[in-house]
Amino acid sequence: MADRAQGIAPALPEQKTGGAGAIAARRPRSRYSLLTRRDKLVLTVMVGIPLIFDLALIWGPAIASIFLSFTNWGGVGPITERNLVGTRNYEFLFTRYTLFWPALLHNITWLAFLMFIATPLGMFMAVLLDREIRGTRLYQTVFYLPVVLSLAVVGIIWSLQYAPEQGFINNVLGRTGNDNLIDWLGNPSLNLWAALVATSWRHVGYIMVLYLAGLKSVDPALREAAKVDGASERQTFFRVVFPVMAPINIVIVVVTTIEALRAFDIAFIINGGKNGLELLSTLITNNTLSESGQVGFGSAIAVVLLVISLGPIVAFLARMMRQDRR
């Protein structure tokens, strides 16, 4: 009664005791998890195992190549302080190694040929097959069949086609005599273009399938609206369909760039990547696996190729991240 008279409110039971009620009020609530222990274990295994393989088979060798590029290690024995040469490999590569700049030019030529000839041809074939003409499934299967084959098998097939005497191409052209034979793969001025035709045979089918899948996802209402506005098929494609397929176009550009930079199999099958078919990838193999065993110098070439290859990949990821933010 005295407390009420003085205007003082009576204390709550928790405030009086300061016991379990106050402690429970201060204790944060535990978050409810939808994943059980088994789910977390399965998720850890599914993410962890691919991550380990990625680090061991991709990033591990990449980091090792960067380190080895600063040495003159020959691939045998331990690496000591005597093997450390600093930037000498890069200095020799850019200034005195006569095969580097021709190989880089060949890679650029490879990229230009695939980008401006093979890729548009694959897009054109996809546009034709998107019209649902008779035998579309058959054409898709025939054109996509080379994609199933490895590049090594493609190289062997085209080596037989380009054979001077028994080759299909020389026989079709009527080049059967010894004086009229065309050495497609032995002539340094021809073998690069012959190899580009062979790799385009596979690349065209790959681009065709990617672009055909993109065309199927375009809203038909856009084409109908363009047709109502009086646009021709060509105007509809370049002004309506092609801009809508910007994500597919970016993927195709990145894939084509990577295919050109990592080109190796066909050139190596033809003549070991020599005599006019030098590429950065073949220079890496010929230096690291040759009798000289210049692993450090070959690693320097590999690092240069890695830096060049990261350009389109980083640009693609940056564009995709910007689109996700929007």
C-alpha atoms as a PDB file:
ATOM      1  CA  MET A   1       0.000   0.000   0.000  1.00  0.00           C
ATOM      2  CA  ALA A   2       2.889   2.334   0.758  1.00  0.00           C
ATOM      3  CA  ASP A   3       4.264   1.829  -2.742  1.00  0.00           C
ATOM      4  CA  ARG A   4       0.941   2.749  -4.319  1.00  0.00           C
ATOM      5  CA  ALA A   5       0.700   5.834  -2.179  1.00  0.00           C
ATOM      6  CA  GLN A   6       4.089   7.036  -3.374  1.00  0.00           C
ATOM      7  CA  GLY A   7       3.174   6.374  -7.018  1.00  0.00           C
ATOM      8  CA  ILE A   8       5.712   3.590  -7.516  1.00  0.00           C
ATOM      9  CA  ALA A   9       4.607   0.677  -9.736  1.00  0.00           C
ATOM     10  CA  PRO A  10       5.101  -2.797  -8.280  1.00  0.00           C
ATOM     11  CA  ALA A  11       7.981  -4.776  -9.808  1.00  0.00           C
ATOM     12  CA  LEU A  12       7.190  -7.659 -12.182  1.00  0.00           C
ATOM     13  CA  PRO A  13       8.020 -11.175 -11.001  1.00  0.00           C
ATOM     14  CA  GLU A  14      10.903 -11.454 -13.518  1.00  0.00           C
ATOM     15  CA  GLN A  15      12.299  -8.118 -12.361  1.00  0.00           C
ATOM     16  CA  LYS A  16      12.119  -9.178  -8.753  1.00  0.00           C
ATOM     17  CA  THR A  17      13.764 -12.511  -9.150  1.00  0.00           C
ATOM     18  CA  GLY A  18      16.094 -11.717 -12.097  1.00  0.00           C
ATOM     19  CA  GLY A  19      16.079 -15.481 -12.757  1.00  0.00           C
ATOM     20  CA  ALA A  20      15.142 -17.847 -15.590  1.00  0.00           C
ATOM     21  CA  GLY A  21      12.508 -15.536 -17.048  1.00  0.00           C
ATOM     22  CA  ALA A  22      14.981 -12.697 -17.655  1.00  0.00           C
ATOM     23  CA  ILE A  23      17.594 -15.084 -19.070  1.00  0.00           C
ATOM     24  CA  ALA A  24      15.052 -16.584 -21.488  1.00  0.00           C
ATOM     25  CA  ALA A  25      14.021 -13.092 -22.592  1.00  0.00           C
ATOM     26  CA  ARG A  26      17.641 -12.184 -23.408  1.00  0.00           C
ATOM     27  CA  ARG A  27      18.447 -15.488 -25.204  1.00  0.00           C
ATOM     28  CA  PRO A  28      18.322 -15.068 -29.039  1.00  0.00           C
ATOM     29  CA  ARG A  29      16.021 -17.321 -30.944  1.00  0.00           C
ATOM     30  CA  SER A  30      17.705 -20.018 -32.983  1.00  0.00           C
ATOM     31  CA  ARG A  31      17.174 -19.812 -36.750  1.00  0.00           C
ATOM     32  CA  TYR A  32      15.050 -22.489 -38.296  1.00  0.00           C
ATOM     33  CA  SER A  33      16.988 -24.506 -40.888  1.00  0.00           C
ATOM     34  CA  LEU A  34      15.328 -26.354 -43.753  1.00  0.00           C
ATOM     35  CA  LEU A  35      18.371 -28.596 -44.175  1.00  0.00           C
ATOM     36  CA  THR A  36      18.958 -31.630 -42.026  1.00  0.00           C
ATOM     37  CA  ARG A  37      22.413 -32.877 -41.080  1.00  0.00           C
ATOM     38  CA  ARG A  38      22.251 -35.393 -43.896  1.00  0.00           C
ATOM     39  CA  ASP A  39      21.309 -32.674 -46.400  1.00  0.00           C
ATOM     40  CA  LYS A  40      24.236 -30.543 -45.259  1.00  0.00           C
ATOM     41  CA  LEU A  41      26.585 -33.510 -45.579  1.00  0.00           C
ATOM     42  CA  VAL A  42      25.353 -34.322 -49.095  1.00  0.00           C
ATOM     43  CA  LEU A  43      25.634 -30.653 -50.103  1.00  0.00           C
ATOM     44  CA  THR A  44      29.168 -30.470 -48.728  1.00  0.00           C
ATOM     45  CA  VAL A  45      30.197 -33.573 -50.652  1.00  0.00           C
ATOM     46  CA  MET A  46      28.539 -32.400 -53.901  1.00  0.00           C
ATOM     47  CA  VAL A  47      30.237 -28.992 -53.720  1.00  0.00           C
ATOM     48  CA  GLY A  48      33.484 -30.057 -52.095  1.00  0.00           C
ATOM     49  CA  ILE A  49      34.494 -32.859 -54.466  1.00  0.00           C
ATOM     50  CA  PRO A  50      34.120 -30.778 -57.687  1.00  0.00           C
ATOM     51  CA  LEU A  51      35.919 -27.899 -55.947  1.00  0.00           C
ATOM     52  CA  ILE A  52      38.836 -30.168 -55.036  1.00  0.00           C
ATOM     53  CA  PHE A  53      39.077 -31.458 -58.610  1.00  0.00           C
ATOM     54  CA  ASP A  54      38.863 -27.893 -59.934  1.00  0.00           C
ATOM     55  CA  LEU A  55      41.683 -26.732 -57.678  1.00  0.00           C
ATOM     56  CA  ALA A  56      43.808 -29.804 -58.368  1.00  0.00           C
ATOM     57  CA  LEU A  57      43.347 -30.057 -62.139  1.00  0.00           C
ATOM     58  CA  ILE A  58      42.852 -26.427 -63.220  1.00  0.00           C
ATOM     59  CA  TRP A  59      44.040 -23.822 -60.765  1.00  0.00           C
ATOM     60  CA  GLY A  60      46.849 -25.957 -59.376  1.00  0.00           C
ATOM     61  CA  PRO A  61      48.562 -26.449 -62.760  1.00  0.00           C
ATOM     62  CA  ALA A  62      47.887 -22.807 -63.657  1.00  0.00           C
ATOM     63  CA  ILE A  63      49.646 -21.534 -60.534  1.00  0.00           C
ATOM     64  CA  ALA A  64      52.441 -24.059 -61.034  1.00  0.00           C
ATOM     65  CA  SER A  65      52.914 -22.846 -64.621  1.00  0.00           C
ATOM     66  CA  ILE A  66      53.218 -19.258 -63.433  1.00  0.00           C
ATOM     67  CA  PHE A  67      55.936 -20.297 -60.980  1.00  0.00           C
ATOM     68  CA  LEU A  68      57.754 -22.501 -63.491  1.00  0.00           C
ATOM     69  CA  SER A  69      57.765 -19.688 -66.067  1.00  0.00           C
ATOM     70  CA  PHE A  70      60.365 -17.922 -63.920  1.00  0.00           C
ATOM     71  CA  THR A  71      62.707 -20.933 -63.945  1.00  0.00           C
ATOM     72  CA  ASN A  72      64.787 -22.865 -66.463  1.00  0.00           C
ATOM     73  CA  TRP A  73      63.698 -26.209 -65.028  1.00  0.00           C
ATOM     74  CA  GLY A  74      63.987 -29.050 -67.532  1.00  0.00           C
ATOM     75  CA  GLY A  75      61.437 -31.386 -65.967  1.00  0.00           C
ATOM     76  CA  VAL A  76      63.914 -33.678 -64.193  1.00  0.00           C
ATOM     77  CA  GLY A  77      65.122 -33.339 -60.630  1.00  0.00           C
ATOM     78  CA  PRO A  78      64.196 -30.838 -57.931  1.00  0.00           C
ATOM     79  CA  ILE A  79      63.895 -27.104 -58.464  1.00  0.00           C
ATOM     80  CA  THR A  80      66.706 -25.203 -56.770  1.00  0.00           C
ATOM     81  CA  GLU A  81      67.823 -21.589 -56.578  1.00  0.00           C
ATOM     82  CA  ARG A  82      70.001 -22.143 -59.648  1.00  0.00           C
ATOM     83  CA  ASN A  83      66.854 -22.753 -61.697  1.00  0.00           C
ATOM     84  CA  LEU A  84      65.399 -19.327 -60.903  1.00  0.00           C
ATOM     85  CA  VAL A  85      65.981 -17.041 -63.884  1.00  0.00           C
ATOM     86  CA  GLY A  86      63.460 -14.254 -63.274  1.00  0.00           C
ATOM     87  CA  THR A  87      61.915 -12.828 -66.430  1.00  0.00           C
ATOM     88  CA  ARG A  88      64.506 -14.204 -68.854  1.00  0.00           C
ATOM     89  CA  ASN A  89      62.007 -16.618 -70.401  1.00  0.00           C
ATOM     90  CA  TYR A  90      59.630 -13.780 -71.213  1.00  0.00           C
ATOM     91  CA  GLU A  91      62.420 -11.580 -72.548  1.00  0.00           C
ATOM     92  CA  PHE A  92      63.596 -14.350 -74.854  1.00  0.00           C
ATOM     93  CA  LEU A  93      60.012 -15.157 -75.855  1.00  0.00           C
ATOM     94  CA  PHE A  94      59.134 -11.609 -76.937  1.00  0.00           C
ATOM     95  CA  THR A  95      62.458 -10.588 -78.445  1.00  0.00           C
ATOM     96  CA  ARG A  96      64.438 -13.548 -79.788  1.00  0.00           C
ATOM     97  CA  TYR A  97      62.080 -16.521 -80.172  1.00  0.00           C
ATOM     98  CA  THR A  98      61.288 -16.367 -83.885  1.00  0.00           C
ATOM     99  CA  LEU A  99      58.300 -18.735 -83.729  1.00  0.00           C
ATOM    100  CA  PHE A 100      56.269 -16.795 -81.158  1.00  0.00           C
ATOM    101  CA  TRP A 101      54.953 -13.918 -83.270  1.00  0.00           C
ATOM    102  CA  PRO A 102      54.069 -16.141 -86.284  1.00  0.00           C
ATOM    103  CA  ALA A 103      52.228 -18.487 -83.905  1.00  0.00           C
ATOM    104  CA  LEU A 104      50.337 -15.566 -82.357  1.00  0.00           C
ATOM    105  CA  LEU A 105      49.434 -14.344 -85.856  1.00  0.00           C
ATOM    106  CA  HIS A 106      48.186 -17.829 -86.735  1.00  0.00           C
ATOM    107  CA  ASN A 107      45.974 -17.843 -83.632  1.00  0.00           C
ATOM    108  CA  ILE A 108      44.575 -14.445 -84.607  1.00  0.00           C
ATOM    109  CA  THR A 109      43.955 -15.720 -88.144  1.00  0.00           C
ATOM    110  CA  TRP A 110      42.267 -18.787 -86.654  1.00  0.00           C
ATOM    111  CA  LEU A 111      40.035 -16.534 -84.550  1.00  0.00           C
ATOM    112  CA  ALA A 112      39.159 -14.250 -87.468  1.00  0.00           C
ATOM    113  CA  PHE A 113      38.284 -17.183 -89.734  1.00  0.00           C
ATOM    114  CA  LEU A 114      36.002 -18.797 -87.157  1.00  0.00           C
ATOM    115  CA  MET A 115      34.435 -15.491 -86.114  1.00  0.00           C
ATOM    116  CA  PHE A 116      33.683 -14.008 -89.538  1.00  0.00           C
ATOM    117  CA  ILE A 117      33.249 -17.095 -91.741  1.00  0.00           C
ATOM    118  CA  ALA A 118      32.413 -20.252 -89.769  1.00  0.00           C
ATOM    119  CA  THR A 119      30.220 -18.611 -87.106  1.00  0.00           C
ATOM    120  CA  PRO A 120      28.014 -16.613 -89.546  1.00  0.00           C
ATOM    121  CA  LEU A 121      27.650 -19.771 -91.633  1.00  0.00           C
ATOM    122  CA  GLY A 122      26.419 -21.671 -88.581  1.00  0.00           C
ATOM    123  CA  MET A 123      23.971 -18.869 -87.798  1.00  0.00           C
ATOM    124  CA  PHE A 124      22.705 -18.878 -91.376  1.00  0.00           C
ATOM    125  CA  MET A 125      22.101 -22.625 -91.259  1.00  0.00           C
ATOM    126  CA  ALA A 126      20.255 -22.234 -87.957  1.00  0.00           C
ATOM    127  CA  VAL A 127      17.974 -19.575 -89.463  1.00  0.00           C
ATOM    128  CA  LEU A 128      17.153 -21.855 -92.396  1.00  0.00           C
ATOM    129  CA  LEU A 129      16.430 -24.842 -90.173  1.00  0.00           C
ATOM    130  CA  ASP A 130      14.271 -22.688 -87.872  1.00  0.00           C
ATOM    131  CA  ARG A 131      11.729 -22.374 -90.680  1.00  0.00           C
ATOM    132  CA  GLU A 132      10.693 -26.008 -90.117  1.00  0.00           C
ATOM    133  CA  ILE A 133      11.452 -27.095 -93.668  1.00  0.00           C
ATOM    134  CA  ARG A 134      11.004 -30.703 -94.698  1.00  0.00           C
ATOM    135  CA  GLY A 135      13.727 -32.936 -93.264  1.00  0.00           C
ATOM    136  CA  THR A 136      14.794 -30.442 -90.590  1.00  0.00           C
ATOM    137  CA  ARG A 137      15.597 -33.187 -88.070  1.00  0.00           C
ATOM    138  CA  LEU A 138      17.719 -35.021 -90.605  1.00  0.00           C
ATOM    139  CA  TYR A 139      19.669 -31.891 -91.511  1.00  0.00           C
ATOM    140  CA  GLN A 140      20.242 -31.072 -87.857  1.00  0.00           C
ATOM    141  CA  THR A 141      21.614 -34.559 -87.241  1.00  0.00           C
ATOM    142  CA  VAL A 142      23.893 -34.473 -90.279  1.00  0.00           C
ATOM    143  CA  PHE A 143      25.282 -31.018 -89.526  1.00  0.00           C
ATOM    144  CA  TYR A 144      25.707 -31.742 -85.807  1.00  0.00           C
ATOM    145  CA  LEU A 145      27.431 -35.103 -86.325  1.00  0.00           C
ATOM    146  CA  PRO A 146      30.970 -33.589 -86.610  1.00  0.00           C
ATOM    147  CA  VAL A 147      30.511 -31.957 -83.194  1.00  0.00           C
ATOM    148  CA  VAL A 148      30.245 -35.390 -81.594  1.00  0.00           C
ATOM    149  CA  LEU A 149      33.671 -36.300 -82.964  1.00  0.00           C
ATOM    150  CA  SER A 150      36.802 -35.205 -81.136  1.00  0.00           C
ATOM    151  CA  LEU A 151      39.135 -32.764 -82.846  1.00  0.00           C
ATOM    152  CA  ALA A 152      41.779 -35.478 -83.093  1.00  0.00           C
ATOM    153  CA  VAL A 153      39.384 -37.662 -85.090  1.00  0.00           C
ATOM    154  CA  VAL A 154      38.435 -34.657 -87.227  1.00  0.00           C
ATOM    155  CA  GLY A 155      42.123 -34.091 -87.934  1.00  0.00           C
ATOM    156  CA  ILE A 156      42.593 -37.705 -89.026  1.00  0.00           C
ATOM    157  CA  ILE A 157      39.524 -37.592 -91.280  1.00  0.00           C
ATOM    158  CA  TRP A 158      40.648 -34.428 -93.025  1.00  0.00           C
ATOM    159  CA  SER A 159      44.217 -35.668 -93.314  1.00  0.00           C
ATOM    160  CA  LEU A 160      42.811 -38.487 -95.430  1.00  0.00           C
ATOM    161  CA  GLN A 161      40.754 -36.038 -97.470  1.00  0.00           C
ATOM    162  CA  TYR A 162      43.806 -33.841 -98.097  1.00  0.00           C
ATOM    163  CA  ALA A 163      46.146 -36.716 -98.982  1.00  0.00           C
ATOM    164  CA  PRO A 164      48.051 -35.816-102.182  1.00  0.00           C
ATOM    165  CA  GLU A 165      47.542 -39.057-104.128  1.00  0.00           C
ATOM    166  CA  GLN A 166      44.576 -40.941-102.663  1.00  0.00           C
ATOM    167  CA  GLY A 167      42.844 -37.914-101.160  1.00  0.00           C
ATOM    168  CA  PHE A 168      39.249 -37.159-102.081  1.00  0.00           C
ATOM    169  CA  ILE A 169      39.846 -33.458-102.786  1.00  0.00           C
ATOM    170  CA  ASN A 170      42.678 -33.904-105.299  1.00  0.00           C
ATOM    171  CA  ASN A 171      40.745 -36.630-107.093  1.00  0.00           C
ATOM    172  CA  VAL A 172      37.657 -34.420-107.368  1.00  0.00           C
ATOM    173  CA  LEU A 173      39.793 -31.581-108.741  1.00  0.00           C
ATOM    174  CA  GLY A 174      41.431 -33.944-111.212  1.00  0.00           C
ATOM    175  CA  ARG A 175      44.874 -33.535-109.644  1.00  0.00           C
ATOM    176  CA  THR A 176      46.008 -37.120-110.129  1.00  0.00           C
ATOM    177  CA  GLY A 177      49.363 -36.769-111.887  1.00  0.00           C
ATOM    178  CA  ASN A 178      52.600 -36.296-109.996  1.00  0.00           C
ATOM    179  CA  ASP A 179      53.052 -32.855-111.530  1.00  0.00           C
ATOM    180  CA  ASN A 180      49.502 -31.738-110.745  1.00  0.00           C
ATOM    181  CA  LEU A 181      49.244 -32.901-107.143  1.00  0.00           C
ATOM    182  CA  ILE A 182      48.479 -30.280-104.521  1.00  0.00           C
ATOM    183  CA  ASP A 183      50.200 -30.863-101.184  1.00  0.00           C
ATOM    184  CA  TRP A 184      47.520 -29.289 -99.029  1.00  0.00           C
ATOM    185  CA  LEU A 185      49.130 -30.131 -95.690  1.00  0.00           C
ATOM    186  CA  GLY A 186      52.801 -29.963 -96.668  1.00  0.00           C
ATOM    187  CA  ASN A 187      52.774 -26.531 -98.272  1.00  0.00           C
ATOM    188  CA  PRO A 188      53.257 -23.834 -95.582  1.00  0.00           C
ATOM    189  CA  SER A 189      51.171 -21.369 -97.558  1.00  0.00           C
ATOM    190  CA  LEU A 190      48.200 -23.785 -97.747  1.00  0.00           C
ATOM    191  CA  ASN A 191      48.183 -25.984 -94.656  1.00  0.00           C
ATOM    192  CA  LEU A 192      46.885 -23.280 -92.306  1.00  0.00           C
ATOM    193  CA  TRP A 193      43.834 -22.657 -94.520  1.00  0.00           C
ATOM    194  CA  ALA A 194      43.320 -26.395 -94.960  1.00  0.00           C
ATOM    195  CA  ALA A 195      43.307 -26.808 -91.187  1.00  0.00           C
ATOM    196  CA  LEU A 196      40.844 -23.915 -90.829  1.00  0.00           C
ATOM    197  CA  VAL A 197      38.425 -25.592 -93.237  1.00  0.00           C
ATOM    198  CA  ALA A 198      38.693 -28.791 -91.203  1.00  0.00           C
ATOM    199  CA  THR A 199      38.029 -27.099 -87.865  1.00  0.00           C
ATOM    200  CA  SER A 200      35.184 -25.043 -89.380  1.00  0.00           C
ATOM    201  CA  TRP A 201      33.492 -28.273 -90.438  1.00  0.00           C
ATOM    202  CA  ARG A 202      33.049 -29.027 -86.752  1.00  0.00           C
ATOM    203  CA  HIS A 203      32.545 -25.470 -85.522  1.00  0.00           C
ATOM    204  CA  VAL A 204      29.661 -24.691 -87.888  1.00  0.00           C
ATOM    205  CA  GLY A 205      27.515 -27.498 -86.466  1.00  0.00           C
ATOM    206  CA  TYR A 206      28.220 -26.395 -82.903  1.00  0.00           C
ATOM    207  CA  ILE A 207      27.209 -22.797 -83.570  1.00  0.00           C
ATOM    208  CA  MET A 208      24.153 -23.993 -85.507  1.00  0.00           C
ATOM    209  CA  VAL A 209      22.802 -25.906 -82.509  1.00  0.00           C
ATOM    210  CA  LEU A 210      23.439 -23.028 -80.071  1.00  0.00           C
ATOM    211  CA  TYR A 211      21.792 -20.480 -82.313  1.00  0.00           C
ATOM    212  CA  LEU A 212      18.900 -22.761 -83.206  1.00  0.00           C
ATOM    213  CA  ALA A 213      18.125 -23.181 -79.502  1.00  0.00           C
ATOM    214  CA  GLY A 214      18.167 -19.393 -79.145  1.00  0.00           C
ATOM    215  CA  LEU A 215      15.831 -18.905 -82.091  1.00  0.00           C
ATOM    216  CA  LYS A 216      13.313 -21.300 -80.552  1.00  0.00           C
ATOM    217  CA  SER A 217      13.164 -19.107 -77.436  1.00  0.00           C
ATOM    218  CA  VAL A 218      12.268 -15.899 -79.320  1.00  0.00           C
ATOM    219  CA  ASP A 219       8.671 -14.808 -78.753  1.00  0.00           C
ATOM    220  CA  PRO A 220       6.695 -15.403 -82.002  1.00  0.00           C
ATOM    221  CA  ALA A 221       4.654 -12.281 -81.251  1.00  0.00           C
ATOM    222  CA  LEU A 222       7.689 -10.132 -82.050  1.00  0.00           C
ATOM    223  CA  ARG A 223       7.934 -11.549 -85.563  1.00  0.00           C
ATOM    224  CA  GLU A 224       4.214 -11.223 -86.118  1.00  0.00           C
ATOM    225  CA  ALA A 225       4.304  -7.577 -85.009  1.00  0.00           C
ATOM    226  CA  ALA A 226       7.195  -6.853 -87.361  1.00  0.00           C
ATOM    227  CA  LYS A 227       5.340  -8.575 -90.205  1.00  0.00           C
ATOM    228  CA  VAL A 228       2.245  -6.472 -89.536  1.00  0.00           C
ATOM    229  CA  ASP A 229       4.410  -3.340 -89.674  1.00  0.00           C
ATOM    230  CA  GLY A 230       5.540  -4.355 -93.149  1.00  0.00           C
ATOM    231  CA  ALA A 231       9.091  -5.485 -92.300  1.00  0.00           C
ATOM    232  CA  SER A 232      10.740  -8.016 -94.590  1.00  0.00           C
ATOM    233  CA  GLU A 233      12.271 -11.243 -93.287  1.00  0.00           C
ATOM    234  CA  ARG A 234      15.735  -9.725 -93.440  1.00  0.00           C
ATOM    235  CA  GLN A 235      14.656  -6.600 -91.551  1.00  0.00           C
ATOM    236  CA  THR A 236      12.799  -8.716 -89.000  1.00  0.00           C
ATOM    237  CA  PHE A 237      15.871 -10.796 -88.304  1.00  0.00           C
ATOM    238  CA  PHE A 238      18.463  -8.014 -88.046  1.00  0.00           C
ATOM    239  CA  ARG A 239      16.260  -5.418 -86.305  1.00  0.00           C
ATOM    240  CA  VAL A 240      14.061  -7.595 -84.093  1.00  0.00           C
ATOM    241  CA  VAL A 241      15.328 -11.166 -83.654  1.00  0.00           C
ATOM    242  CA  PHE A 242      19.080 -10.536 -83.606  1.00  0.00           C
ATOM    243  CA  PRO A 243      18.982  -7.826 -80.875  1.00  0.00           C
ATOM    244  CA  VAL A 244      16.693  -9.984 -78.723  1.00  0.00           C
ATOM    245  CA  MET A 245      19.245 -12.806 -78.897  1.00  0.00           C
ATOM    246  CA  ALA A 246      22.039 -10.674 -77.399  1.00  0.00           C
ATOM    247  CA  PRO A 247      22.796 -13.194 -74.591  1.00  0.00           C
ATOM    248  CA  ILE A 248      23.195 -16.033 -77.109  1.00  0.00           C
ATOM    249  CA  ASN A 249      25.350 -13.837 -79.332  1.00  0.00           C
ATOM    250  CA  ILE A 250      27.681 -13.087 -76.414  1.00  0.00           C
ATOM    251  CA  VAL A 251      27.980 -16.766 -75.563  1.00  0.00           C
ATOM    252  CA  ILE A 252      28.793 -17.582 -79.197  1.00  0.00           C
ATOM    253  CA  VAL A 253      31.489 -14.888 -79.326  1.00  0.00           C
ATOM    254  CA  VAL A 254      33.104 -16.171 -76.122  1.00  0.00           C
ATOM    255  CA  VAL A 255      32.929 -19.819 -77.231  1.00  0.00           C
ATOM    256  CA  THR A 256      34.406 -18.972 -80.632  1.00  0.00           C
ATOM    257  CA  THR A 257      37.240 -16.993 -79.056  1.00  0.00           C
ATOM    258  CA  ILE A 258      38.121 -19.796 -76.666  1.00  0.00           C
ATOM    259  CA  GLU A 259      37.960 -22.372 -79.467  1.00  0.00           C
ATOM    260  CA  ALA A 260      40.399 -20.317 -81.549  1.00  0.00           C
ATOM    261  CA  LEU A 261      42.848 -19.712 -78.716  1.00  0.00           C
ATOM    262  CA  ARG A 262      42.968 -23.308 -77.535  1.00  0.00           C
ATOM    263  CA  ALA A 263      43.245 -24.775 -81.045  1.00  0.00           C
ATOM    264  CA  PHE A 264      45.704 -27.653 -80.926  1.00  0.00           C
ATOM    265  CA  ASP A 265      44.453 -31.072 -81.987  1.00  0.00           C
ATOM    266  CA  ILE A 266      44.056 -30.621 -85.724  1.00  0.00           C
ATOM    267  CA  ALA A 267      47.325 -28.715 -86.161  1.00  0.00           C
ATOM    268  CA  PHE A 268      49.242 -31.283 -84.127  1.00  0.00           C
ATOM    269  CA  ILE A 269      47.705 -34.232 -85.975  1.00  0.00           C
ATOM    270  CA  ILE A 270      48.580 -32.755 -89.380  1.00  0.00           C
ATOM    271  CA  ASN A 271      52.289 -32.084 -88.910  1.00  0.00           C
ATOM    272  CA  GLY A 272      53.019 -31.609 -85.214  1.00  0.00           C
ATOM    273  CA  GLY A 273      52.234 -27.912 -85.384  1.00  0.00           C
ATOM    274  CA  LYS A 274      55.234 -27.092 -87.580  1.00  0.00           C
ATOM    275  CA  ASN A 275      56.005 -25.903 -91.103  1.00  0.00           C
ATOM    276  CA  GLY A 276      53.410 -23.135 -91.235  1.00  0.00           C
ATOM    277  CA  LEU A 277      50.997 -24.491 -88.604  1.00  0.00           C
ATOM    278  CA  GLU A 278      52.652 -23.051 -85.504  1.00  0.00           C
ATOM    279  CA  LEU A 279      50.149 -22.136 -82.798  1.00  0.00           C
ATOM    280  CA  LEU A 280      50.720 -21.057 -79.216  1.00  0.00           C
ATOM    281  CA  SER A 281      49.377 -24.375 -77.969  1.00  0.00           C
ATOM    282  CA  THR A 282      51.694 -26.400 -80.210  1.00  0.00           C
ATOM    283  CA  LEU A 283      54.681 -24.283 -79.133  1.00  0.00           C
ATOM    284  CA  ILE A 284      53.880 -25.158 -75.527  1.00  0.00           C
ATOM    285  CA  THR A 285      53.797 -28.873 -76.309  1.00  0.00           C
ATOM    286  CA  ASN A 286      56.891 -28.856 -78.515  1.00  0.00           C
ATOM    287  CA  ASN A 287      58.955 -27.044 -75.877  1.00  0.00           C
ATOM    288  CA  THR A 288      57.827 -28.885 -72.764  1.00  0.00           C
ATOM    289  CA  LEU A 289      57.658 -32.416 -74.206  1.00  0.00           C
ATOM    290  CA  SER A 290      60.598 -32.256 -76.618  1.00  0.00           C
ATOM    291  CA  GLU A 291      64.024 -33.716 -76.019  1.00  0.00           C
ATOM    292  CA  SER A 292      65.302 -30.342 -74.834  1.00  0.00           C
ATOM    293  CA  GLY A 293      62.755 -30.391 -72.008  1.00  0.00           C
ATOM    294  CA  GLN A 294      62.365 -26.632 -71.668  1.00  0.00           C
ATOM    295  CA  VAL A 295      59.526 -26.810 -69.178  1.00  0.00           C
ATOM    296  CA  GLY A 296      60.173 -23.332 -67.805  1.00  0.00           C
ATOM    297  CA  PHE A 297      60.145 -21.714 -71.235  1.00  0.00           C
ATOM    298  CA  GLY A 298      57.053 -23.676 -72.294  1.00  0.00           C
ATOM    299  CA  SER A 299      55.341 -22.540 -69.083  1.00  0.00           C
ATOM    300  CA  ALA A 300      56.045 -18.927 -70.035  1.00  0.00           C
ATOM    301  CA  ILE A 301      54.220 -19.455 -73.339  1.00  0.00           C
ATOM    302  CA  ALA A 302      51.368 -21.093 -71.420  1.00  0.00           C
ATOM    303  CA  VAL A 303      51.082 -18.093 -69.098  1.00  0.00           C
ATOM    304  CA  VAL A 304      50.901 -15.731 -72.074  1.00  0.00           C
ATOM    305  CA  LEU A 305      48.138 -17.882 -73.598  1.00  0.00           C
ATOM    306  CA  LEU A 306      46.323 -17.932 -70.243  1.00  0.00           C
ATOM    307  CA  VAL A 307      46.388 -14.136 -69.981  1.00  0.00           C
ATOM    308  CA  ILE A 308      45.068 -13.775 -73.537  1.00  0.00           C
ATOM    309  CA  SER A 309      42.314 -16.331 -72.883  1.00  0.00           C
ATOM    310  CA  LEU A 310      41.170 -14.630 -69.685  1.00  0.00           C
ATOM    311  CA  GLY A 311      40.219 -11.482 -71.614  1.00  0.00           C
ATOM    312  CA  PRO A 312      36.984 -12.716 -73.239  1.00  0.00           C
ATOM    313  CA  ILE A 313      36.083 -14.787 -70.165  1.00  0.00           C
ATOM    314  CA  VAL A 314      36.357 -11.816 -67.805  1.00  0.00           C
ATOM    315  CA  ALA A 315      34.422  -9.606 -70.242  1.00  0.00           C
ATOM    316  CA  PHE A 316      31.657 -12.210 -70.480  1.00  0.00           C
ATOM    317  CA  LEU A 317      31.378 -12.629 -66.694  1.00  0.00           C
ATOM    318  CA  ALA A 318      31.378  -8.863 -66.153  1.00  0.00           C
ATOM    319  CA  ARG A 319      28.540  -8.402 -68.636  1.00  0.00           C
ATOM    320  CA  MET A 320      26.521 -11.223 -67.077  1.00  0.00           C
ATOM    321  CA  MET A 321      26.977  -9.729 -63.594  1.00  0.00           C
ATOM    322  CA  ARG A 322      25.813  -6.331 -64.823  1.00  0.00           C
ATOM    323  CA  GLN A 323      22.711  -7.917 -66.325  1.00  0.00           C
ATOM    324  CA  ASP A 324      21.939  -9.721 -63.060  1.00  0.00           C
ATOM    325  CA  ARG A 325      22.176  -6.467 -61.126  1.00  0.00           C
ATOM    326  CA  ARG A 326      19.673  -4.854 -63.477  1.00  0.00           C
END
